[in-house]
Amino acid sequence: MGAIARAARFAGIALGPDAERLLGTFAAWLREEAIPAGGLGPAEAASIEVRHLADALTFAAGWREGRPPGSIVDLGSGVGLPGIPLAVVHPDTQVVLVDRSGRRARLARRAIRVLGLDNVEVLEADVRRVAVPCDAVVARGVMPPAELLPILRRLVGARGCAVVGGSHRTAPEVSGYVTIEVPAWVLDQPAWLLKMAPP
């Protein structure tokens, strides 16, 4: 079982053939277009499935009651990570990718066209000024989790869900969040997500 399938299993996602095909197309696009255009670093080519696609799917482990949200905002999404993989596996969920870089926003729009996704849009904006109401927010490495928390609370309110990822060598403990452990069998090493705790 590959990393994408393991991440889907961990997150409770039923990974059908259409989603598998689109994730494969997205992986190829990341290698062939995003990396040469500077959307991802050249060293990322060998780790796209684990470090980017499988990692993106683990965010779904944070959904309330295990059900996909109706709408997701991906803050600092770059070329669409983790938002595009989440949109692929949740085709009934509307996803807004937010990034302040015009170059990365153009690349994300290109990926959406290549994949033929009609449930994703791109907003070129600073994450601190976003005002898009939604059911859930995801963010990966956009800013320190403590600094991000007020933005998350403003976007999703008391009943929404927010999941934050980043590089962690040990389990993070940040006030305002609960920690979700991603076991080593999923991504070939231990990882952690932070889920916004109820206020």
N, C-alpha and C. Protein backbone atom coordinates (compact mmCIF):
# COMPACT_ATOMS: atom_id res chain seq x y z
N MET A 1 0.85 -1.19 0.00
CA MET A 1 0.00 0.00 0.00
C MET A 1 0.88 1.24 0.00
N GLY A 2 0.63 2.16 -0.94
CA GLY A 2 1.41 3.37 -1.04
C GLY A 2 1.01 4.39 0.01
N ALA A 3 1.80 5.47 0.08
CA ALA A 3 1.57 6.50 1.11
C ALA A 3 0.21 7.17 0.95
N ILE A 4 -0.23 7.41 -0.28
CA ILE A 4 -1.51 8.08 -0.48
C ILE A 4 -2.64 7.20 0.05
N ALA A 5 -2.60 5.92 -0.26
CA ALA A 5 -3.63 4.99 0.23
C ALA A 5 -3.57 4.88 1.75
N ARG A 6 -2.37 4.87 2.32
CA ARG A 6 -2.25 4.79 3.79
C ARG A 6 -2.82 6.04 4.44
N ALA A 7 -2.53 7.21 3.86
CA ALA A 7 -3.04 8.46 4.43
C ALA A 7 -4.56 8.51 4.33
N ALA A 8 -5.11 8.04 3.21
CA ALA A 8 -6.56 8.01 3.06
C ALA A 8 -7.18 7.09 4.11
N ARG A 9 -6.57 5.93 4.33
CA ARG A 9 -7.08 5.00 5.33
C ARG A 9 -7.04 5.63 6.73
N PHE A 10 -5.93 6.28 7.06
CA PHE A 10 -5.79 6.93 8.36
C PHE A 10 -6.87 7.99 8.56
N ALA A 11 -7.16 8.77 7.50
CA ALA A 11 -8.10 9.88 7.60
C ALA A 11 -9.54 9.47 7.39
N GLY A 12 -9.79 8.18 7.10
CA GLY A 12 -11.16 7.73 6.90
C GLY A 12 -11.74 8.12 5.55
N ILE A 13 -10.89 8.26 4.54
CA ILE A 13 -11.32 8.65 3.20
C ILE A 13 -11.47 7.40 2.34
N ALA A 14 -12.61 7.29 1.66
CA ALA A 14 -12.81 6.22 0.67
C ALA A 14 -12.20 6.70 -0.64
N LEU A 15 -11.06 6.15 -0.99
CA LEU A 15 -10.29 6.63 -2.15
C LEU A 15 -10.71 5.84 -3.39
N GLY A 16 -11.60 6.42 -4.19
CA GLY A 16 -12.08 5.75 -5.39
C GLY A 16 -11.14 5.93 -6.57
N PRO A 17 -11.43 5.23 -7.69
CA PRO A 17 -10.53 5.29 -8.85
C PRO A 17 -10.41 6.69 -9.47
N ASP A 18 -11.49 7.47 -9.46
CA ASP A 18 -11.40 8.83 -10.02
C ASP A 18 -10.45 9.69 -9.19
N ALA A 19 -10.57 9.59 -7.86
CA ALA A 19 -9.68 10.36 -6.98
C ALA A 19 -8.23 9.91 -7.16
N GLU A 20 -8.01 8.60 -7.25
CA GLU A 20 -6.64 8.09 -7.45
C GLU A 20 -6.05 8.64 -8.74
N ARG A 21 -6.86 8.64 -9.81
CA ARG A 21 -6.38 9.14 -11.11
C ARG A 21 -6.03 10.62 -11.01
N LEU A 22 -6.92 11.42 -10.40
CA LEU A 22 -6.67 12.85 -10.30
C LEU A 22 -5.46 13.16 -9.42
N LEU A 23 -5.29 12.42 -8.34
CA LEU A 23 -4.10 12.63 -7.50
C LEU A 23 -2.83 12.28 -8.26
N GLY A 24 -2.89 11.24 -9.08
CA GLY A 24 -1.74 10.89 -9.93
C GLY A 24 -1.44 11.99 -10.94
N THR A 25 -2.50 12.55 -11.53
CA THR A 25 -2.33 13.66 -12.48
C THR A 25 -1.73 14.88 -11.78
N PHE A 26 -2.20 15.15 -10.56
CA PHE A 26 -1.67 16.29 -9.81
C PHE A 26 -0.20 16.07 -9.46
N ALA A 27 0.16 14.86 -9.07
CA ALA A 27 1.57 14.55 -8.77
C ALA A 27 2.44 14.81 -9.99
N ALA A 28 1.97 14.34 -11.16
CA ALA A 28 2.74 14.56 -12.39
C ALA A 28 2.85 16.05 -12.70
N TRP A 29 1.75 16.79 -12.51
CA TRP A 29 1.78 18.23 -12.76
C TRP A 29 2.76 18.93 -11.83
N LEU A 30 2.77 18.54 -10.56
CA LEU A 30 3.71 19.15 -9.62
C LEU A 30 5.15 18.95 -10.09
N ARG A 31 5.46 17.73 -10.57
CA ARG A 31 6.83 17.45 -11.04
C ARG A 31 7.15 18.20 -12.32
N GLU A 32 6.21 18.18 -13.26
CA GLU A 32 6.50 18.67 -14.61
C GLU A 32 6.31 20.17 -14.78
N GLU A 33 5.43 20.78 -13.99
CA GLU A 33 5.17 22.21 -14.15
C GLU A 33 5.49 23.03 -12.90
N ALA A 34 5.00 22.58 -11.75
CA ALA A 34 5.15 23.40 -10.54
C ALA A 34 6.61 23.53 -10.12
N ILE A 35 7.35 22.43 -10.15
CA ILE A 35 8.76 22.50 -9.73
C ILE A 35 9.58 23.35 -10.70
N PRO A 36 9.49 23.15 -12.03
CA PRO A 36 10.25 24.02 -12.94
C PRO A 36 9.86 25.50 -12.83
N ALA A 37 8.59 25.77 -12.47
CA ALA A 37 8.14 27.16 -12.34
C ALA A 37 8.47 27.76 -10.98
N GLY A 38 9.06 26.98 -10.07
CA GLY A 38 9.43 27.49 -8.76
C GLY A 38 8.32 27.42 -7.72
N GLY A 39 7.24 26.70 -8.03
CA GLY A 39 6.15 26.54 -7.06
C GLY A 39 6.51 25.62 -5.92
N LEU A 40 7.40 24.67 -6.17
CA LEU A 40 8.00 23.79 -5.16
C LEU A 40 9.49 23.73 -5.45
N GLY A 41 10.27 23.47 -4.43
CA GLY A 41 11.72 23.37 -4.62
C GLY A 41 12.09 22.13 -5.42
N PRO A 42 13.21 22.17 -6.16
CA PRO A 42 13.62 21.04 -6.99
C PRO A 42 13.86 19.76 -6.21
N ALA A 43 14.23 19.86 -4.94
CA ALA A 43 14.47 18.67 -4.14
C ALA A 43 13.19 17.94 -3.78
N GLU A 44 12.03 18.55 -4.04
CA GLU A 44 10.75 17.95 -3.65
C GLU A 44 10.28 16.87 -4.62
N ALA A 45 10.88 16.77 -5.79
CA ALA A 45 10.39 15.85 -6.82
C ALA A 45 10.32 14.41 -6.32
N ALA A 46 11.28 14.00 -5.53
CA ALA A 46 11.32 12.61 -5.07
C ALA A 46 10.34 12.32 -3.95
N SER A 47 9.76 13.35 -3.36
CA SER A 47 8.91 13.12 -2.18
C SER A 47 7.49 13.66 -2.34
N ILE A 48 7.05 13.85 -3.57
CA ILE A 48 5.73 14.46 -3.79
C ILE A 48 4.61 13.63 -3.18
N GLU A 49 4.63 12.32 -3.40
CA GLU A 49 3.53 11.48 -2.89
C GLU A 49 3.44 11.53 -1.37
N VAL A 50 4.57 11.36 -0.69
CA VAL A 50 4.54 11.30 0.78
C VAL A 50 4.45 12.69 1.39
N ARG A 51 5.36 13.56 1.02
CA ARG A 51 5.51 14.86 1.70
C ARG A 51 4.40 15.84 1.35
N HIS A 52 3.79 15.67 0.20
CA HIS A 52 2.78 16.64 -0.22
C HIS A 52 1.38 16.04 -0.36
N LEU A 53 1.22 14.99 -1.16
CA LEU A 53 -0.14 14.47 -1.37
C LEU A 53 -0.65 13.68 -0.17
N ALA A 54 0.12 12.70 0.30
CA ALA A 54 -0.32 11.93 1.47
C ALA A 54 -0.45 12.84 2.68
N ASP A 55 0.51 13.72 2.88
CA ASP A 55 0.44 14.66 3.99
C ASP A 55 -0.84 15.49 3.92
N ALA A 56 -1.21 15.95 2.72
CA ALA A 56 -2.43 16.74 2.56
C ALA A 56 -3.67 15.96 3.00
N LEU A 57 -3.73 14.69 2.64
CA LEU A 57 -4.91 13.88 2.98
C LEU A 57 -5.05 13.67 4.48
N THR A 58 -3.93 13.68 5.22
CA THR A 58 -4.03 13.47 6.67
C THR A 58 -4.85 14.56 7.35
N PHE A 59 -4.94 15.75 6.74
CA PHE A 59 -5.70 16.84 7.35
C PHE A 59 -7.16 16.45 7.56
N ALA A 60 -7.67 15.56 6.72
CA ALA A 60 -9.08 15.13 6.83
C ALA A 60 -9.34 14.37 8.12
N ALA A 61 -8.30 13.93 8.81
CA ALA A 61 -8.49 13.26 10.10
C ALA A 61 -9.04 14.23 11.15
N GLY A 62 -8.98 15.52 10.89
CA GLY A 62 -9.45 16.51 11.84
C GLY A 62 -10.89 16.96 11.66
N TRP A 63 -11.58 16.45 10.64
CA TRP A 63 -12.96 16.90 10.42
C TRP A 63 -13.86 16.49 11.58
N ARG A 64 -14.80 17.32 11.92
CA ARG A 64 -15.74 17.02 13.01
C ARG A 64 -16.63 15.85 12.61
N GLU A 65 -16.82 14.94 13.54
CA GLU A 65 -17.61 13.72 13.35
C GLU A 65 -17.16 12.93 12.12
N GLY A 66 -15.96 13.19 11.64
CA GLY A 66 -15.44 12.46 10.50
C GLY A 66 -16.10 12.79 9.17
N ARG A 67 -16.98 13.81 9.14
CA ARG A 67 -17.68 14.16 7.90
C ARG A 67 -16.97 15.32 7.21
N PRO A 68 -16.83 15.25 5.88
CA PRO A 68 -16.18 16.37 5.18
C PRO A 68 -16.99 17.66 5.35
N PRO A 69 -16.32 18.78 5.52
CA PRO A 69 -17.03 20.05 5.63
C PRO A 69 -17.61 20.47 4.28
N GLY A 70 -18.61 21.35 4.32
CA GLY A 70 -19.19 21.86 3.08
C GLY A 70 -18.27 22.83 2.36
N SER A 71 -17.43 23.52 3.13
CA SER A 71 -16.50 24.49 2.53
C SER A 71 -15.21 24.54 3.34
N ILE A 72 -14.11 24.69 2.61
CA ILE A 72 -12.77 24.75 3.22
C ILE A 72 -12.04 25.95 2.65
N VAL A 73 -11.34 26.68 3.51
CA VAL A 73 -10.38 27.69 3.07
C VAL A 73 -8.99 27.18 3.41
N ASP A 74 -8.10 27.18 2.42
CA ASP A 74 -6.72 26.75 2.59
C ASP A 74 -5.85 28.00 2.62
N LEU A 75 -5.34 28.34 3.80
CA LEU A 75 -4.54 29.55 3.96
C LEU A 75 -3.08 29.31 3.60
N GLY A 76 -2.53 30.17 2.75
CA GLY A 76 -1.14 30.02 2.33
C GLY A 76 -0.94 28.76 1.51
N SER A 77 -1.84 28.53 0.58
CA SER A 77 -1.89 27.24 -0.12
C SER A 77 -0.79 27.03 -1.15
N GLY A 78 -0.10 28.11 -1.54
CA GLY A 78 0.93 27.94 -2.56
C GLY A 78 0.33 27.40 -3.84
N VAL A 79 0.84 26.27 -4.33
CA VAL A 79 0.33 25.68 -5.57
C VAL A 79 -0.86 24.77 -5.33
N GLY A 80 -1.43 24.83 -4.11
CA GLY A 80 -2.66 24.07 -3.86
C GLY A 80 -2.53 22.96 -2.84
N LEU A 81 -1.63 23.13 -1.89
CA LEU A 81 -1.40 22.08 -0.89
C LEU A 81 -1.67 22.63 0.51
N PRO A 82 -2.54 22.01 1.24
CA PRO A 82 -3.22 20.73 1.02
C PRO A 82 -4.57 20.81 0.32
N GLY A 83 -5.00 22.02 -0.11
CA GLY A 83 -6.36 22.21 -0.60
C GLY A 83 -6.77 21.39 -1.80
N ILE A 84 -5.91 21.29 -2.82
CA ILE A 84 -6.31 20.55 -4.03
C ILE A 84 -6.51 19.06 -3.74
N PRO A 85 -5.59 18.37 -3.07
CA PRO A 85 -5.88 16.96 -2.75
C PRO A 85 -7.16 16.79 -1.94
N LEU A 86 -7.44 17.70 -1.01
CA LEU A 86 -8.67 17.60 -0.23
C LEU A 86 -9.89 17.82 -1.11
N ALA A 87 -9.80 18.73 -2.08
CA ALA A 87 -10.90 18.95 -3.03
C ALA A 87 -11.12 17.72 -3.90
N VAL A 88 -10.06 17.03 -4.26
CA VAL A 88 -10.17 15.82 -5.09
C VAL A 88 -10.92 14.73 -4.34
N VAL A 89 -10.58 14.51 -3.08
CA VAL A 89 -11.22 13.40 -2.34
C VAL A 89 -12.57 13.80 -1.75
N HIS A 90 -12.87 15.10 -1.72
CA HIS A 90 -14.16 15.61 -1.24
C HIS A 90 -14.80 16.44 -2.35
N PRO A 91 -15.27 15.83 -3.44
CA PRO A 91 -15.76 16.60 -4.59
C PRO A 91 -16.99 17.45 -4.31
N ASP A 92 -17.72 17.18 -3.22
CA ASP A 92 -18.88 18.00 -2.88
C ASP A 92 -18.54 19.17 -1.96
N THR A 93 -17.27 19.29 -1.61
CA THR A 93 -16.80 20.38 -0.75
C THR A 93 -16.24 21.51 -1.61
N GLN A 94 -16.66 22.74 -1.32
CA GLN A 94 -16.11 23.91 -2.01
C GLN A 94 -14.82 24.33 -1.31
N VAL A 95 -13.75 24.51 -2.09
CA VAL A 95 -12.44 24.82 -1.53
C VAL A 95 -11.95 26.15 -2.10
N VAL A 96 -11.49 27.03 -1.22
CA VAL A 96 -10.87 28.29 -1.64
C VAL A 96 -9.41 28.25 -1.24
N LEU A 97 -8.53 28.38 -2.23
CA LEU A 97 -7.10 28.43 -1.99
C LEU A 97 -6.69 29.89 -1.85
N VAL A 98 -5.98 30.22 -0.78
CA VAL A 98 -5.58 31.61 -0.53
C VAL A 98 -4.06 31.69 -0.49
N ASP A 99 -3.50 32.56 -1.33
CA ASP A 99 -2.07 32.82 -1.28
C ASP A 99 -1.82 34.24 -1.76
N ARG A 100 -0.87 34.93 -1.16
CA ARG A 100 -0.63 36.32 -1.55
C ARG A 100 0.28 36.44 -2.77
N SER A 101 0.93 35.36 -3.16
CA SER A 101 1.84 35.39 -4.30
C SER A 101 1.07 35.21 -5.61
N GLY A 102 1.17 36.19 -6.49
CA GLY A 102 0.52 36.09 -7.79
C GLY A 102 1.03 34.91 -8.59
N ARG A 103 2.32 34.64 -8.52
CA ARG A 103 2.90 33.51 -9.27
C ARG A 103 2.33 32.20 -8.78
N ARG A 104 2.28 32.00 -7.46
CA ARG A 104 1.74 30.74 -6.95
C ARG A 104 0.24 30.64 -7.21
N ALA A 105 -0.48 31.76 -7.14
CA ALA A 105 -1.91 31.74 -7.44
C ALA A 105 -2.15 31.34 -8.89
N ARG A 106 -1.34 31.85 -9.81
CA ARG A 106 -1.47 31.46 -11.23
C ARG A 106 -1.19 29.98 -11.42
N LEU A 107 -0.18 29.48 -10.72
CA LEU A 107 0.12 28.05 -10.82
C LEU A 107 -1.03 27.20 -10.27
N ALA A 108 -1.62 27.63 -9.15
CA ALA A 108 -2.75 26.89 -8.59
C ALA A 108 -3.94 26.90 -9.56
N ARG A 109 -4.20 28.03 -10.21
CA ARG A 109 -5.29 28.09 -11.20
C ARG A 109 -5.01 27.15 -12.36
N ARG A 110 -3.75 27.07 -12.76
CA ARG A 110 -3.37 26.16 -13.84
C ARG A 110 -3.63 24.71 -13.41
N ALA A 111 -3.27 24.35 -12.19
CA ALA A 111 -3.51 22.98 -11.69
C ALA A 111 -5.00 22.66 -11.69
N ILE A 112 -5.82 23.62 -11.28
CA ILE A 112 -7.27 23.40 -11.25
C ILE A 112 -7.79 23.12 -12.65
N ARG A 113 -7.28 23.87 -13.65
CA ARG A 113 -7.70 23.63 -15.04
C ARG A 113 -7.24 22.26 -15.52
N VAL A 114 -6.00 21.91 -15.23
CA VAL A 114 -5.46 20.61 -15.67
C VAL A 114 -6.29 19.46 -15.09
N LEU A 115 -6.69 19.59 -13.83
CA LEU A 115 -7.45 18.54 -13.15
C LEU A 115 -8.95 18.61 -13.46
N GLY A 116 -9.41 19.72 -14.02
CA GLY A 116 -10.83 19.87 -14.32
C GLY A 116 -11.70 19.96 -13.08
N LEU A 117 -11.18 20.58 -12.03
CA LEU A 117 -11.92 20.69 -10.77
C LEU A 117 -12.88 21.88 -10.83
N ASP A 118 -14.14 21.65 -10.51
CA ASP A 118 -15.10 22.74 -10.48
C ASP A 118 -15.48 23.14 -9.06
N ASN A 119 -14.81 22.55 -8.07
CA ASN A 119 -15.12 22.87 -6.67
C ASN A 119 -13.99 23.64 -5.99
N VAL A 120 -13.10 24.24 -6.79
CA VAL A 120 -11.95 24.97 -6.23
C VAL A 120 -11.83 26.33 -6.89
N GLU A 121 -11.56 27.35 -6.08
CA GLU A 121 -11.23 28.67 -6.62
C GLU A 121 -10.00 29.20 -5.90
N VAL A 122 -9.38 30.19 -6.48
CA VAL A 122 -8.14 30.76 -5.94
C VAL A 122 -8.38 32.22 -5.61
N LEU A 123 -7.94 32.61 -4.43
CA LEU A 123 -8.03 34.00 -3.98
C LEU A 123 -6.61 34.49 -3.70
N GLU A 124 -6.20 35.52 -4.42
CA GLU A 124 -4.87 36.10 -4.20
C GLU A 124 -5.01 37.16 -3.13
N ALA A 125 -4.57 36.84 -1.91
CA ALA A 125 -4.75 37.75 -0.78
C ALA A 125 -3.81 37.37 0.35
N ASP A 126 -3.59 38.32 1.24
CA ASP A 126 -2.84 38.06 2.47
C ASP A 126 -3.77 37.32 3.43
N VAL A 127 -3.28 36.25 4.04
CA VAL A 127 -4.13 35.44 4.91
C VAL A 127 -4.68 36.25 6.09
N ARG A 128 -3.99 37.31 6.48
CA ARG A 128 -4.45 38.13 7.61
C ARG A 128 -5.69 38.95 7.26
N ARG A 129 -5.94 39.10 5.96
CA ARG A 129 -7.07 39.95 5.53
C ARG A 129 -8.20 39.15 4.88
N VAL A 130 -8.12 37.86 4.90
CA VAL A 130 -9.15 37.03 4.27
C VAL A 130 -10.44 37.13 5.08
N ALA A 131 -11.55 37.24 4.35
CA ALA A 131 -12.86 37.32 5.01
C ALA A 131 -13.84 36.41 4.26
N VAL A 132 -13.51 35.13 4.21
CA VAL A 132 -14.35 34.15 3.51
C VAL A 132 -14.92 33.21 4.57
N PRO A 133 -16.20 33.34 4.90
CA PRO A 133 -16.79 32.41 5.88
C PRO A 133 -16.72 30.98 5.35
N CYS A 134 -16.46 30.03 6.23
CA CYS A 134 -16.32 28.64 5.79
C CYS A 134 -16.58 27.71 6.97
N ASP A 135 -16.68 26.42 6.64
CA ASP A 135 -16.88 25.41 7.67
C ASP A 135 -15.56 24.93 8.27
N ALA A 136 -14.49 25.01 7.47
CA ALA A 136 -13.19 24.51 7.93
C ALA A 136 -12.07 25.31 7.29
N VAL A 137 -10.97 25.39 8.01
CA VAL A 137 -9.75 26.02 7.49
C VAL A 137 -8.61 25.02 7.63
N VAL A 138 -7.75 24.97 6.62
CA VAL A 138 -6.51 24.21 6.71
C VAL A 138 -5.36 25.15 6.42
N ALA A 139 -4.22 24.89 7.02
CA ALA A 139 -3.04 25.71 6.81
C ALA A 139 -1.82 24.84 7.06
N ARG A 140 -0.83 25.00 6.21
CA ARG A 140 0.39 24.20 6.35
C ARG A 140 1.59 25.11 6.24
N GLY A 141 2.23 25.36 7.38
CA GLY A 141 3.48 26.11 7.38
C GLY A 141 3.35 27.58 7.01
N VAL A 142 2.15 28.16 7.15
CA VAL A 142 1.96 29.54 6.71
C VAL A 142 2.47 30.54 7.75
N MET A 143 2.30 30.23 9.04
CA MET A 143 2.80 31.09 10.12
C MET A 143 2.74 30.29 11.41
N PRO A 144 3.36 30.75 12.47
CA PRO A 144 3.30 30.00 13.73
C PRO A 144 1.86 29.78 14.17
N PRO A 145 1.53 28.57 14.65
CA PRO A 145 0.15 28.26 15.02
C PRO A 145 -0.48 29.24 16.00
N ALA A 146 0.29 29.72 16.99
CA ALA A 146 -0.28 30.67 17.96
C ALA A 146 -0.69 31.96 17.28
N GLU A 147 0.09 32.41 16.30
CA GLU A 147 -0.22 33.63 15.56
C GLU A 147 -1.42 33.42 14.62
N LEU A 148 -1.58 32.20 14.16
CA LEU A 148 -2.65 31.87 13.22
C LEU A 148 -4.01 31.73 13.90
N LEU A 149 -4.02 31.39 15.17
CA LEU A 149 -5.25 31.05 15.89
C LEU A 149 -6.35 32.12 15.79
N PRO A 150 -6.06 33.41 16.00
CA PRO A 150 -7.14 34.40 15.89
C PRO A 150 -7.75 34.45 14.48
N ILE A 151 -6.95 34.23 13.46
CA ILE A 151 -7.45 34.22 12.08
C ILE A 151 -8.39 33.03 11.90
N LEU A 152 -7.99 31.87 12.42
CA LEU A 152 -8.83 30.68 12.30
C LEU A 152 -10.17 30.90 12.99
N ARG A 153 -10.13 31.44 14.20
CA ARG A 153 -11.37 31.66 14.96
C ARG A 153 -12.29 32.66 14.24
N ARG A 154 -11.69 33.66 13.63
CA ARG A 154 -12.49 34.66 12.89
C ARG A 154 -13.16 34.02 11.67
N LEU A 155 -12.47 33.13 10.99
CA LEU A 155 -13.01 32.55 9.76
C LEU A 155 -14.06 31.47 10.01
N VAL A 156 -13.85 30.64 11.02
CA VAL A 156 -14.79 29.52 11.21
C VAL A 156 -15.70 29.68 12.40
N GLY A 157 -15.45 30.64 13.26
CA GLY A 157 -16.30 30.84 14.42
C GLY A 157 -16.19 29.70 15.42
N ALA A 158 -17.13 29.64 16.33
CA ALA A 158 -17.07 28.67 17.42
C ALA A 158 -17.40 27.26 16.98
N ARG A 159 -18.17 27.11 15.89
CA ARG A 159 -18.62 25.77 15.50
C ARG A 159 -17.79 25.17 14.37
N GLY A 160 -16.84 25.93 13.84
CA GLY A 160 -16.07 25.44 12.71
C GLY A 160 -14.89 24.58 13.13
N CYS A 161 -14.13 24.17 12.13
CA CYS A 161 -13.00 23.27 12.34
C CYS A 161 -11.78 23.87 11.66
N ALA A 162 -10.62 23.74 12.27
CA ALA A 162 -9.38 24.20 11.64
C ALA A 162 -8.28 23.20 11.97
N VAL A 163 -7.50 22.85 10.95
CA VAL A 163 -6.40 21.90 11.10
C VAL A 163 -5.14 22.54 10.53
N VAL A 164 -4.08 22.52 11.33
CA VAL A 164 -2.82 23.17 10.97
C VAL A 164 -1.71 22.13 10.96
N GLY A 165 -0.91 22.15 9.92
CA GLY A 165 0.23 21.25 9.81
C GLY A 165 1.52 22.04 9.76
N GLY A 166 2.62 21.34 9.90
CA GLY A 166 3.92 21.99 9.85
C GLY A 166 5.01 20.98 10.13
N SER A 167 6.23 21.44 10.13
CA SER A 167 7.36 20.57 10.41
C SER A 167 7.56 20.47 11.92
N HIS A 168 7.44 19.27 12.44
CA HIS A 168 7.59 19.06 13.88
C HIS A 168 8.51 17.87 14.11
N ARG A 169 9.52 18.04 14.92
CA ARG A 169 10.39 16.92 15.28
C ARG A 169 9.82 16.14 16.46
N THR A 170 9.04 16.83 17.27
CA THR A 170 8.37 16.20 18.41
C THR A 170 6.92 16.68 18.43
N ALA A 171 6.09 16.02 19.21
CA ALA A 171 4.68 16.39 19.29
C ALA A 171 4.54 17.82 19.78
N PRO A 172 3.89 18.69 19.01
CA PRO A 172 3.74 20.08 19.44
C PRO A 172 2.64 20.23 20.47
N GLU A 173 2.82 21.15 21.37
CA GLU A 173 1.78 21.51 22.33
C GLU A 173 1.64 23.02 22.26
N VAL A 174 0.52 23.46 21.68
CA VAL A 174 0.28 24.88 21.50
C VAL A 174 -1.08 25.21 22.09
N SER A 175 -1.14 26.21 22.94
CA SER A 175 -2.39 26.62 23.57
C SER A 175 -3.42 26.96 22.49
N GLY A 176 -4.64 26.45 22.69
CA GLY A 176 -5.72 26.70 21.74
C GLY A 176 -5.91 25.58 20.74
N TYR A 177 -5.03 24.57 20.78
CA TYR A 177 -5.10 23.44 19.85
C TYR A 177 -5.05 22.12 20.61
N VAL A 178 -5.56 21.08 19.98
CA VAL A 178 -5.30 19.72 20.41
C VAL A 178 -4.41 19.08 19.35
N THR A 179 -3.57 18.17 19.77
CA THR A 179 -2.61 17.55 18.87
C THR A 179 -3.16 16.23 18.35
N ILE A 180 -3.07 16.04 17.03
CA ILE A 180 -3.44 14.78 16.38
C ILE A 180 -2.14 14.10 15.94
N GLU A 181 -1.92 12.90 16.41
CA GLU A 181 -0.72 12.17 15.99
C GLU A 181 -1.01 11.42 14.69
N VAL A 182 -0.12 11.57 13.73
CA VAL A 182 -0.16 10.79 12.50
C VAL A 182 0.90 9.71 12.67
N PRO A 183 0.49 8.45 12.83
CA PRO A 183 1.46 7.40 13.12
C PRO A 183 2.51 7.24 12.01
N ALA A 184 3.65 6.70 12.39
CA ALA A 184 4.77 6.56 11.46
C ALA A 184 4.42 5.72 10.24
N TRP A 185 3.49 4.75 10.38
CA TRP A 185 3.15 3.89 9.22
C TRP A 185 2.47 4.66 8.10
N VAL A 186 1.96 5.86 8.40
CA VAL A 186 1.24 6.62 7.37
C VAL A 186 2.21 7.33 6.43
N LEU A 187 3.14 8.11 6.99
CA LEU A 187 4.05 8.94 6.19
C LEU A 187 5.51 8.50 6.30
N ASP A 188 5.72 7.28 6.77
CA ASP A 188 7.07 6.73 6.93
C ASP A 188 7.87 7.38 8.04
N GLN A 189 7.26 8.23 8.83
CA GLN A 189 7.86 8.82 10.02
C GLN A 189 6.73 9.46 10.82
N PRO A 190 6.92 9.65 12.11
CA PRO A 190 5.86 10.27 12.90
C PRO A 190 5.60 11.71 12.44
N ALA A 191 4.35 12.12 12.53
CA ALA A 191 3.98 13.49 12.19
C ALA A 191 2.84 13.91 13.11
N TRP A 192 2.58 15.20 13.15
CA TRP A 192 1.51 15.71 14.01
C TRP A 192 0.78 16.84 13.31
N LEU A 193 -0.50 16.91 13.59
CA LEU A 193 -1.34 18.03 13.16
C LEU A 193 -1.87 18.71 14.41
N LEU A 194 -2.22 19.97 14.26
CA LEU A 194 -2.87 20.71 15.34
C LEU A 194 -4.29 21.01 14.92
N LYS A 195 -5.24 20.65 15.77
CA LYS A 195 -6.64 20.94 15.50
C LYS A 195 -7.08 22.01 16.48
N MET A 196 -7.71 23.05 15.96
CA MET A 196 -8.17 24.13 16.83
C MET A 196 -9.14 23.60 17.86
N ALA A 197 -8.87 23.88 19.11
CA ALA A 197 -9.73 23.43 20.19
C ALA A 197 -10.94 24.35 20.30
N PRO A 198 -12.08 23.84 20.77
CA PRO A 198 -13.23 24.73 20.99
C PRO A 198 -12.86 25.83 21.97
N PRO A 199 -13.42 27.05 21.77
CA PRO A 199 -13.08 28.16 22.67
C PRO A 199 -13.62 27.94 24.08
